[in-house]
Amino acid sequence: MSDTSESGTSLDPRSATPLYVQLANAIAQQIASGALAPDRPIPSENRLAEEYGVARLTARRATQELRERGLVVTVRGKGSFVTPDAGKNGTASDA
């Protein structure tokens, strides 16, 4: 599997930063750039795992990190969606 997504963002498994944080940062960057629009779904955990070449648990933890930052909300049975406020400043609680 590859560690580079279709968008060209690569994750560094040798970095001191955990992979789930790197993945969350990559998705947060997509939200900030407008590639992932407010009130629209982010890719599923399975899709993120496949796209970035990480374990599904890593993708799940990255999604949890994004929820903790206030960038996404998860609706059971539907998926995770970018929060309406997330696109305005890129990160809801990145300060």
PDB file of N, CA and C in Angstrom:
ATOM      1  N   MET A   1       0.838  -1.195   0.000  1.00  0.00           N
ATOM      2  CA  MET A   1       0.000   0.000   0.000  1.00  0.00           C
ATOM      3  C   MET A   1       0.872   1.243   0.000  1.00  0.00           C
ATOM      4  N   SER A   2       0.338   2.302  -0.503  1.00  0.00           N
ATOM      5  CA  SER A   2       1.060   3.553  -0.626  1.00  0.00           C
ATOM      6  C   SER A   2       0.793   4.456   0.566  1.00  0.00           C
ATOM      7  N   ASP A   3       1.743   5.331   0.863  1.00  0.00           N
ATOM      8  CA  ASP A   3       1.518   6.292   1.944  1.00  0.00           C
ATOM      9  C   ASP A   3       1.231   7.680   1.377  1.00  0.00           C
ATOM     10  N   THR A   4       0.825   7.730   0.119  1.00  0.00           N
ATOM     11  CA  THR A   4       0.491   8.990  -0.522  1.00  0.00           C
ATOM     12  C   THR A   4      -0.946   8.934  -1.013  1.00  0.00           C
ATOM     13  N   SER A   5      -1.722   9.936  -0.682  1.00  0.00           N
ATOM     14  CA  SER A   5      -3.114   9.970  -1.107  1.00  0.00           C
ATOM     15  C   SER A   5      -3.207  10.483  -2.529  1.00  0.00           C
ATOM     16  N   GLU A   6      -4.423  10.468  -3.059  1.00  0.00           N
ATOM     17  CA  GLU A   6      -4.655  10.999  -4.394  1.00  0.00           C
ATOM     18  C   GLU A   6      -4.357  12.488  -4.457  1.00  0.00           C
ATOM     19  N   SER A   7      -4.463  13.186  -3.319  1.00  0.00           N
ATOM     20  CA  SER A   7      -4.213  14.622  -3.306  1.00  0.00           C
ATOM     21  C   SER A   7      -2.726  14.951  -3.189  1.00  0.00           C
ATOM     22  N   GLY A   8      -1.885  13.915  -3.052  1.00  0.00           N
ATOM     23  CA  GLY A   8      -0.451  14.145  -3.002  1.00  0.00           C
ATOM     24  C   GLY A   8       0.103  14.321  -1.604  1.00  0.00           C
ATOM     25  N   THR A   9      -0.738  14.295  -0.586  1.00  0.00           N
ATOM     26  CA  THR A   9      -0.271  14.433   0.780  1.00  0.00           C
ATOM     27  C   THR A   9       0.287  13.103   1.243  1.00  0.00           C
ATOM     28  N   SER A  10       1.520  13.112   1.746  1.00  0.00           N
ATOM     29  CA  SER A  10       2.097  11.864   2.215  1.00  0.00           C
ATOM     30  C   SER A  10       2.234  11.892   3.732  1.00  0.00           C
ATOM     31  N   LEU A  11       2.129  10.706   4.309  1.00  0.00           N
ATOM     32  CA  LEU A  11       2.295  10.538   5.745  1.00  0.00           C
ATOM     33  C   LEU A  11       3.665   9.923   5.987  1.00  0.00           C
ATOM     34  N   ASP A  12       4.325  10.340   7.053  1.00  0.00           N
ATOM     35  CA  ASP A  12       5.667   9.864   7.357  1.00  0.00           C
ATOM     36  C   ASP A  12       5.636   8.951   8.572  1.00  0.00           C
ATOM     37  N   PRO A  13       5.718   7.628   8.362  1.00  0.00           N
ATOM     38  CA  PRO A  13       5.661   6.706   9.493  1.00  0.00           C
ATOM     39  C   PRO A  13       6.858   6.825  10.438  1.00  0.00           C
ATOM     40  N   ARG A  14       7.927   7.477   9.990  1.00  0.00           N
ATOM     41  CA  ARG A  14       9.118   7.641  10.833  1.00  0.00           C
ATOM     42  C   ARG A  14       9.071   8.902  11.693  1.00  0.00           C
ATOM     43  N   SER A  15       8.086   9.733  11.449  1.00  0.00           N
ATOM     44  CA  SER A  15       7.952  10.989  12.177  1.00  0.00           C
ATOM     45  C   SER A  15       7.582  10.736  13.633  1.00  0.00           C
ATOM     46  N   ALA A  16       7.932  11.683  14.500  1.00  0.00           N
ATOM     47  CA  ALA A  16       7.535  11.612  15.903  1.00  0.00           C
ATOM     48  C   ALA A  16       6.046  11.877  16.062  1.00  0.00           C
ATOM     49  N   THR A  17       5.439  12.509  15.058  1.00  0.00           N
ATOM     50  CA  THR A  17       4.002  12.783  15.070  1.00  0.00           C
ATOM     51  C   THR A  17       3.256  11.510  14.689  1.00  0.00           C
ATOM     52  N   PRO A  18       2.320  11.060  15.526  1.00  0.00           N
ATOM     53  CA  PRO A  18       1.577   9.837  15.205  1.00  0.00           C
ATOM     54  C   PRO A  18       0.868   9.937  13.854  1.00  0.00           C
ATOM     55  N   LEU A  19       0.724   8.786  13.194  1.00  0.00           N
ATOM     56  CA  LEU A  19       0.081   8.765  11.876  1.00  0.00           C
ATOM     57  C   LEU A  19      -1.330   9.326  11.914  1.00  0.00           C
ATOM     58  N   TYR A  20      -2.082   9.028  12.982  1.00  0.00           N
ATOM     59  CA  TYR A  20      -3.460   9.526  13.034  1.00  0.00           C
ATOM     60  C   TYR A  20      -3.492  11.046  13.099  1.00  0.00           C
ATOM     61  N   VAL A  21      -2.509  11.663  13.745  1.00  0.00           N
ATOM     62  CA  VAL A  21      -2.445  13.125  13.802  1.00  0.00           C
ATOM     63  C   VAL A  21      -2.055  13.674  12.426  1.00  0.00           C
ATOM     64  N   GLN A  22      -1.109  13.021  11.767  1.00  0.00           N
ATOM     65  CA  GLN A  22      -0.733  13.443  10.417  1.00  0.00           C
ATOM     66  C   GLN A  22      -1.926  13.359   9.473  1.00  0.00           C
ATOM     67  N   LEU A  23      -2.698  12.273   9.583  1.00  0.00           N
ATOM     68  CA  LEU A  23      -3.873  12.108   8.739  1.00  0.00           C
ATOM     69  C   LEU A  23      -4.929  13.159   9.068  1.00  0.00           C
ATOM     70  N   ALA A  24      -5.155  13.403  10.353  1.00  0.00           N
ATOM     71  CA  ALA A  24      -6.118  14.436  10.763  1.00  0.00           C
ATOM     72  C   ALA A  24      -5.675  15.798  10.238  1.00  0.00           C
ATOM     73  N   ASN A  25      -4.384  16.086  10.298  1.00  0.00           N
ATOM     74  CA  ASN A  25      -3.868  17.364   9.786  1.00  0.00           C
ATOM     75  C   ASN A  25      -4.081  17.475   8.276  1.00  0.00           C
ATOM     76  N   ALA A  26      -3.894  16.367   7.555  1.00  0.00           N
ATOM     77  CA  ALA A  26      -4.090  16.380   6.100  1.00  0.00           C
ATOM     78  C   ALA A  26      -5.557  16.661   5.765  1.00  0.00           C
ATOM     79  N   ILE A  27      -6.465  16.046   6.505  1.00  0.00           N
ATOM     80  CA  ILE A  27      -7.895  16.273   6.256  1.00  0.00           C
ATOM     81  C   ILE A  27      -8.271  17.701   6.660  1.00  0.00           C
ATOM     82  N   ALA A  28      -7.718  18.179   7.794  1.00  0.00           N
ATOM     83  CA  ALA A  28      -7.987  19.552   8.232  1.00  0.00           C
ATOM     84  C   ALA A  28      -7.516  20.545   7.171  1.00  0.00           C
ATOM     85  N   GLN A  29      -6.395  20.248   6.530  1.00  0.00           N
ATOM     86  CA  GLN A  29      -5.884  21.113   5.463  1.00  0.00           C
ATOM     87  C   GLN A  29      -6.852  21.129   4.280  1.00  0.00           C
ATOM     88  N   GLN A  30      -7.441  19.973   3.962  1.00  0.00           N
ATOM     89  CA  GLN A  30      -8.416  19.908   2.876  1.00  0.00           C
ATOM     90  C   GLN A  30      -9.670  20.710   3.228  1.00  0.00           C
ATOM     91  N   ILE A  31     -10.055  20.668   4.499  1.00  0.00           N
ATOM     92  CA  ILE A  31     -11.208  21.456   4.946  1.00  0.00           C
ATOM     93  C   ILE A  31     -10.891  22.942   4.824  1.00  0.00           C
ATOM     94  N   ALA A  32      -9.706  23.342   5.270  1.00  0.00           N
ATOM     95  CA  ALA A  32      -9.301  24.751   5.227  1.00  0.00           C
ATOM     96  C   ALA A  32      -9.223  25.265   3.793  1.00  0.00           C
ATOM     97  N   SER A  33      -8.786  24.409   2.877  1.00  0.00           N
ATOM     98  CA  SER A  33      -8.638  24.829   1.484  1.00  0.00           C
ATOM     99  C   SER A  33      -9.961  24.835   0.729  1.00  0.00           C
ATOM    100  N   GLY A  34     -11.001  24.252   1.333  1.00  0.00           N
ATOM    101  CA  GLY A  34     -12.290  24.191   0.676  1.00  0.00           C
ATOM    102  C   GLY A  34     -12.502  22.931  -0.137  1.00  0.00           C
ATOM    103  N   ALA A  35     -11.500  22.050  -0.189  1.00  0.00           N
ATOM    104  CA  ALA A  35     -11.642  20.791  -0.921  1.00  0.00           C
ATOM    105  C   ALA A  35     -12.730  19.919  -0.294  1.00  0.00           C
ATOM    106  N   LEU A  36     -12.888  20.030   1.020  1.00  0.00           N
ATOM    107  CA  LEU A  36     -13.981  19.369   1.733  1.00  0.00           C
ATOM    108  C   LEU A  36     -14.874  20.483   2.276  1.00  0.00           C
ATOM    109  N   ALA A  37     -16.051  20.609   1.724  1.00  0.00           N
ATOM    110  CA  ALA A  37     -16.944  21.730   2.029  1.00  0.00           C
ATOM    111  C   ALA A  37     -17.762  21.490   3.298  1.00  0.00           C
ATOM    112  N   PRO A  38     -18.173  22.574   3.965  1.00  0.00           N
ATOM    113  CA  PRO A  38     -19.040  22.463   5.148  1.00  0.00           C
ATOM    114  C   PRO A  38     -20.336  21.719   4.821  1.00  0.00           C
ATOM    115  N   ASP A  39     -20.793  20.938   5.770  1.00  0.00           N
ATOM    116  CA  ASP A  39     -22.017  20.136   5.658  1.00  0.00           C
ATOM    117  C   ASP A  39     -21.923  19.015   4.626  1.00  0.00           C
ATOM    118  N   ARG A  40     -20.734  18.738   4.147  1.00  0.00           N
ATOM    119  CA  ARG A  40     -20.536  17.640   3.200  1.00  0.00           C
ATOM    120  C   ARG A  40     -19.745  16.540   3.906  1.00  0.00           C
ATOM    121  N   PRO A  41     -19.912  15.287   3.479  1.00  0.00           N
ATOM    122  CA  PRO A  41     -19.208  14.186   4.149  1.00  0.00           C
ATOM    123  C   PRO A  41     -17.724  14.161   3.820  1.00  0.00           C
ATOM    124  N   ILE A  42     -16.949  13.682   4.787  1.00  0.00           N
ATOM    125  CA  ILE A  42     -15.549  13.379   4.520  1.00  0.00           C
ATOM    126  C   ILE A  42     -15.515  11.915   4.071  1.00  0.00           C
ATOM    127  N   PRO A  43     -14.427  11.468   3.465  1.00  0.00           N
ATOM    128  CA  PRO A  43     -14.358  10.063   3.058  1.00  0.00           C
ATOM    129  C   PRO A  43     -14.539   9.125   4.260  1.00  0.00           C
ATOM    130  N   SER A  44     -15.079   7.945   3.999  1.00  0.00           N
ATOM    131  CA  SER A  44     -15.284   6.957   5.060  1.00  0.00           C
ATOM    132  C   SER A  44     -13.943   6.497   5.623  1.00  0.00           C
ATOM    133  N   GLU A  45     -13.987   5.882   6.797  1.00  0.00           N
ATOM    134  CA  GLU A  45     -12.764   5.359   7.413  1.00  0.00           C
ATOM    135  C   GLU A  45     -12.099   4.352   6.494  1.00  0.00           C
ATOM    136  N   ASN A  46     -12.886   3.492   5.861  1.00  0.00           N
ATOM    137  CA  ASN A  46     -12.314   2.507   4.934  1.00  0.00           C
ATOM    138  C   ASN A  46     -11.637   3.193   3.759  1.00  0.00           C
ATOM    139  N   ARG A  47     -12.274   4.220   3.230  1.00  0.00           N
ATOM    140  CA  ARG A  47     -11.715   4.964   2.094  1.00  0.00           C
ATOM    141  C   ARG A  47     -10.418   5.677   2.499  1.00  0.00           C
ATOM    142  N   LEU A  48     -10.425   6.319   3.680  1.00  0.00           N
ATOM    143  CA  LEU A  48      -9.216   6.998   4.159  1.00  0.00           C
ATOM    144  C   LEU A  48      -8.073   5.998   4.350  1.00  0.00           C
ATOM    145  N   ALA A  49      -8.387   4.844   4.927  1.00  0.00           N
ATOM    146  CA  ALA A  49      -7.366   3.821   5.152  1.00  0.00           C
ATOM    147  C   ALA A  49      -6.764   3.372   3.827  1.00  0.00           C
ATOM    148  N   GLU A  50      -7.631   3.155   2.840  1.00  0.00           N
ATOM    149  CA  GLU A  50      -7.164   2.728   1.524  1.00  0.00           C
ATOM    150  C   GLU A  50      -6.368   3.835   0.830  1.00  0.00           C
ATOM    151  N   GLU A  51      -6.896   5.045   0.877  1.00  0.00           N
ATOM    152  CA  GLU A  51      -6.286   6.175   0.170  1.00  0.00           C
ATOM    153  C   GLU A  51      -4.909   6.539   0.732  1.00  0.00           C
ATOM    154  N   TYR A  52      -4.772   6.488   2.062  1.00  0.00           N
ATOM    155  CA  TYR A  52      -3.514   6.897   2.690  1.00  0.00           C
ATOM    156  C   TYR A  52      -2.622   5.728   3.068  1.00  0.00           C
ATOM    157  N   GLY A  53      -3.085   4.500   2.839  1.00  0.00           N
ATOM    158  CA  GLY A  53      -2.253   3.333   3.129  1.00  0.00           C
ATOM    159  C   GLY A  53      -2.019   3.116   4.612  1.00  0.00           C
ATOM    160  N   VAL A  54      -3.046   3.356   5.413  1.00  0.00           N
ATOM    161  CA  VAL A  54      -2.941   3.162   6.862  1.00  0.00           C
ATOM    162  C   VAL A  54      -3.996   2.149   7.307  1.00  0.00           C
ATOM    163  N   ALA A  55      -3.903   1.705   8.550  1.00  0.00           N
ATOM    164  CA  ALA A  55      -4.895   0.793   9.105  1.00  0.00           C
ATOM    165  C   ALA A  55      -6.214   1.522   9.319  1.00  0.00           C
ATOM    166  N   ARG A  56      -7.299   0.785   9.278  1.00  0.00           N
ATOM    167  CA  ARG A  56      -8.621   1.391   9.490  1.00  0.00           C
ATOM    168  C   ARG A  56      -8.697   2.035  10.873  1.00  0.00           C
ATOM    169  N   LEU A  57      -8.053   1.423  11.859  1.00  0.00           N
ATOM    170  CA  LEU A  57      -8.050   1.992  13.208  1.00  0.00           C
ATOM    171  C   LEU A  57      -7.359   3.366  13.221  1.00  0.00           C
ATOM    172  N   THR A  58      -6.324   3.532  12.418  1.00  0.00           N
ATOM    173  CA  THR A  58      -5.646   4.826  12.302  1.00  0.00           C
ATOM    174  C   THR A  58      -6.601   5.862  11.710  1.00  0.00           C
ATOM    175  N   ALA A  59      -7.346   5.464  10.689  1.00  0.00           N
ATOM    176  CA  ALA A  59      -8.326   6.366  10.078  1.00  0.00           C
ATOM    177  C   ALA A  59      -9.429   6.711  11.070  1.00  0.00           C
ATOM    178  N   ARG A  60      -9.850   5.733  11.852  1.00  0.00           N
ATOM    179  CA  ARG A  60     -10.892   5.974  12.858  1.00  0.00           C
ATOM    180  C   ARG A  60     -10.390   6.957  13.907  1.00  0.00           C
ATOM    181  N   ARG A  61      -9.143   6.801  14.344  1.00  0.00           N
ATOM    182  CA  ARG A  61      -8.576   7.702  15.355  1.00  0.00           C
ATOM    183  C   ARG A  61      -8.394   9.102  14.786  1.00  0.00           C
ATOM    184  N   ALA A  62      -8.065   9.209  13.507  1.00  0.00           N
ATOM    185  CA  ALA A  62      -7.936  10.522  12.858  1.00  0.00           C
ATOM    186  C   ALA A  62      -9.291  11.217  12.825  1.00  0.00           C
ATOM    187  N   THR A  63     -10.346  10.460  12.530  1.00  0.00           N
ATOM    188  CA  THR A  63     -11.694  11.029  12.525  1.00  0.00           C
ATOM    189  C   THR A  63     -12.075  11.501  13.915  1.00  0.00           C
ATOM    190  N   GLN A  64     -11.709  10.720  14.924  1.00  0.00           N
ATOM    191  CA  GLN A  64     -11.966  11.121  16.315  1.00  0.00           C
ATOM    192  C   GLN A  64     -11.217  12.417  16.652  1.00  0.00           C
ATOM    193  N   GLU A  65      -9.999  12.517  16.190  1.00  0.00           N
ATOM    194  CA  GLU A  65      -9.199  13.737  16.405  1.00  0.00           C
ATOM    195  C   GLU A  65      -9.891  14.940  15.768  1.00  0.00           C
ATOM    196  N   LEU A  66     -10.417  14.768  14.571  1.00  0.00           N
ATOM    197  CA  LEU A  66     -11.123  15.855  13.888  1.00  0.00           C
ATOM    198  C   LEU A  66     -12.388  16.246  14.645  1.00  0.00           C
ATOM    199  N   ARG A  67     -13.078  15.258  15.222  1.00  0.00           N
ATOM    200  CA  ARG A  67     -14.262  15.563  16.047  1.00  0.00           C
ATOM    201  C   ARG A  67     -13.853  16.374  17.265  1.00  0.00           C
ATOM    202  N   GLU A  68     -12.755  15.983  17.917  1.00  0.00           N
ATOM    203  CA  GLU A  68     -12.267  16.701  19.099  1.00  0.00           C
ATOM    204  C   GLU A  68     -11.863  18.137  18.758  1.00  0.00           C
ATOM    205  N   ARG A  69     -11.388  18.359  17.563  1.00  0.00           N
ATOM    206  CA  ARG A  69     -11.021  19.707  17.106  1.00  0.00           C
ATOM    207  C   ARG A  69     -12.241  20.521  16.688  1.00  0.00           C
ATOM    208  N   GLY A  70     -13.379  19.862  16.582  1.00  0.00           N
ATOM    209  CA  GLY A  70     -14.606  20.544  16.176  1.00  0.00           C
ATOM    210  C   GLY A  70     -14.735  20.730  14.677  1.00  0.00           C
ATOM    211  N   LEU A  71     -13.979  19.976  13.903  1.00  0.00           N
ATOM    212  CA  LEU A  71     -14.002  20.118  12.453  1.00  0.00           C
ATOM    213  C   LEU A  71     -15.040  19.238  11.785  1.00  0.00           C
ATOM    214  N   VAL A  72     -15.380  18.105  12.419  1.00  0.00           N
ATOM    215  CA  VAL A  72     -16.386  17.209  11.857  1.00  0.00           C
ATOM    216  C   VAL A  72     -17.342  16.737  12.945  1.00  0.00           C
ATOM    217  N   VAL A  73     -18.513  16.328  12.512  1.00  0.00           N
ATOM    218  CA  VAL A  73     -19.474  15.657  13.382  1.00  0.00           C
ATOM    219  C   VAL A  73     -19.785  14.320  12.725  1.00  0.00           C
ATOM    220  N   THR A  74     -20.001  13.303  13.559  1.00  0.00           N
ATOM    221  CA  THR A  74     -20.310  11.978  13.039  1.00  0.00           C
ATOM    222  C   THR A  74     -21.750  11.639  13.354  1.00  0.00           C
ATOM    223  N   VAL A  75     -22.460  11.215  12.330  1.00  0.00           N
ATOM    224  CA  VAL A  75     -23.851  10.789  12.465  1.00  0.00           C
ATOM    225  C   VAL A  75     -23.877   9.278  12.264  1.00  0.00           C
ATOM    226  N   ARG A  76     -24.283   8.568  13.301  1.00  0.00           N
ATOM    227  CA  ARG A  76     -24.287   7.116  13.232  1.00  0.00           C
ATOM    228  C   ARG A  76     -25.111   6.634  12.029  1.00  0.00           C
ATOM    229  N   GLY A  77     -24.506   5.752  11.267  1.00  0.00           N
ATOM    230  CA  GLY A  77     -25.178   5.199  10.100  1.00  0.00           C
ATOM    231  C   GLY A  77     -25.087   6.057   8.848  1.00  0.00           C
ATOM    232  N   LYS A  78     -24.562   7.269   8.980  1.00  0.00           N
ATOM    233  CA  LYS A  78     -24.465   8.173   7.823  1.00  0.00           C
ATOM    234  C   LYS A  78     -23.028   8.561   7.494  1.00  0.00           C
ATOM    235  N   GLY A  79     -22.190   8.710   8.499  1.00  0.00           N
ATOM    236  CA  GLY A  79     -20.812   9.092   8.256  1.00  0.00           C
ATOM    237  C   GLY A  79     -20.428  10.353   9.005  1.00  0.00           C
ATOM    238  N   SER A  80     -19.270  10.883   8.666  1.00  0.00           N
ATOM    239  CA  SER A  80     -18.753  12.098   9.294  1.00  0.00           C
ATOM    240  C   SER A  80     -18.839  13.251   8.308  1.00  0.00           C
ATOM    241  N   PHE A  81     -19.276  14.399   8.820  1.00  0.00           N
ATOM    242  CA  PHE A  81     -19.514  15.571   7.989  1.00  0.00           C
ATOM    243  C   PHE A  81     -18.727  16.763   8.511  1.00  0.00           C
ATOM    244  N   VAL A  82     -18.258  17.595   7.591  1.00  0.00           N
ATOM    245  CA  VAL A  82     -17.555  18.824   7.955  1.00  0.00           C
ATOM    246  C   VAL A  82     -18.552  19.744   8.655  1.00  0.00           C
ATOM    247  N   THR A  83     -18.160  20.310   9.777  1.00  0.00           N
ATOM    248  CA  THR A  83     -19.044  21.221  10.498  1.00  0.00           C
ATOM    249  C   THR A  83     -19.195  22.527   9.716  1.00  0.00           C
ATOM    250  N   PRO A  84     -20.320  23.205   9.876  1.00  0.00           N
ATOM    251  CA  PRO A  84     -20.545  24.460   9.140  1.00  0.00           C
ATOM    252  C   PRO A  84     -19.479  25.521   9.429  1.00  0.00           C
ATOM    253  N   ASP A  85     -18.952  25.562  10.640  1.00  0.00           N
ATOM    254  CA  ASP A  85     -17.959  26.570  11.012  1.00  0.00           C
ATOM    255  C   ASP A  85     -16.544  26.214  10.576  1.00  0.00           C
ATOM    256  N   ALA A  86     -16.287  24.945  10.284  1.00  0.00           N
ATOM    257  CA  ALA A  86     -14.921  24.489  10.023  1.00  0.00           C
ATOM    258  C   ALA A  86     -14.285  25.152   8.813  1.00  0.00           C
ATOM    259  N   GLY A  87     -15.021  25.360   7.756  1.00  0.00           N
ATOM    260  CA  GLY A  87     -14.458  25.936   6.545  1.00  0.00           C
ATOM    261  C   GLY A  87     -14.073  27.395   6.665  1.00  0.00           C
ATOM    262  N   LYS A  88     -14.625  28.091   7.652  1.00  0.00           N
ATOM    263  CA  LYS A  88     -14.376  29.534   7.787  1.00  0.00           C
ATOM    264  C   LYS A  88     -12.951  29.849   8.199  1.00  0.00           C
ATOM    265  N   ASN A  89     -12.447  29.099   9.197  1.00  0.00           N
ATOM    266  CA  ASN A  89     -11.082  29.380   9.649  1.00  0.00           C
ATOM    267  C   ASN A  89     -10.183  28.169   9.531  1.00  0.00           C
ATOM    268  N   GLY A  90     -10.684  27.061   8.959  1.00  0.00           N
ATOM    269  CA  GLY A  90      -9.855  25.897   8.734  1.00  0.00           C
ATOM    270  C   GLY A  90      -9.802  24.964   9.924  1.00  0.00           C
ATOM    271  N   THR A  91      -9.704  25.526  11.108  1.00  0.00           N
ATOM    272  CA  THR A  91      -9.682  24.709  12.309  1.00  0.00           C
ATOM    273  C   THR A  91     -10.520  25.381  13.376  1.00  0.00           C
ATOM    274  N   ALA A  92     -11.349  24.622  14.006  1.00  0.00           N
ATOM    275  CA  ALA A  92     -12.237  25.193  15.006  1.00  0.00           C
ATOM    276  C   ALA A  92     -11.526  25.445  16.326  1.00  0.00           C
ATOM    277  N   SER A  93     -10.540  24.624  16.647  1.00  0.00           N
ATOM    278  CA  SER A  93      -9.842  24.791  17.932  1.00  0.00           C
ATOM    279  C   SER A  93      -8.363  24.491  17.794  1.00  0.00           C
ATOM    280  N   ASP A  94      -7.747  25.002  16.746  1.00  0.00           N
ATOM    281  CA  ASP A  94      -6.340  24.710  16.464  1.00  0.00           C
ATOM    282  C   ASP A  94      -5.394  25.644  17.210  1.00  0.00           C
ATOM    283  N   ALA A  95      -5.914  26.606  17.936  1.00  0.00           N
ATOM    284  CA  ALA A  95      -5.080  27.605  18.601  1.00  0.00           C
ATOM    285  C   ALA A  95      -4.273  27.049  19.722  1.00  0.00           C
TER     286      ALA A  95
END
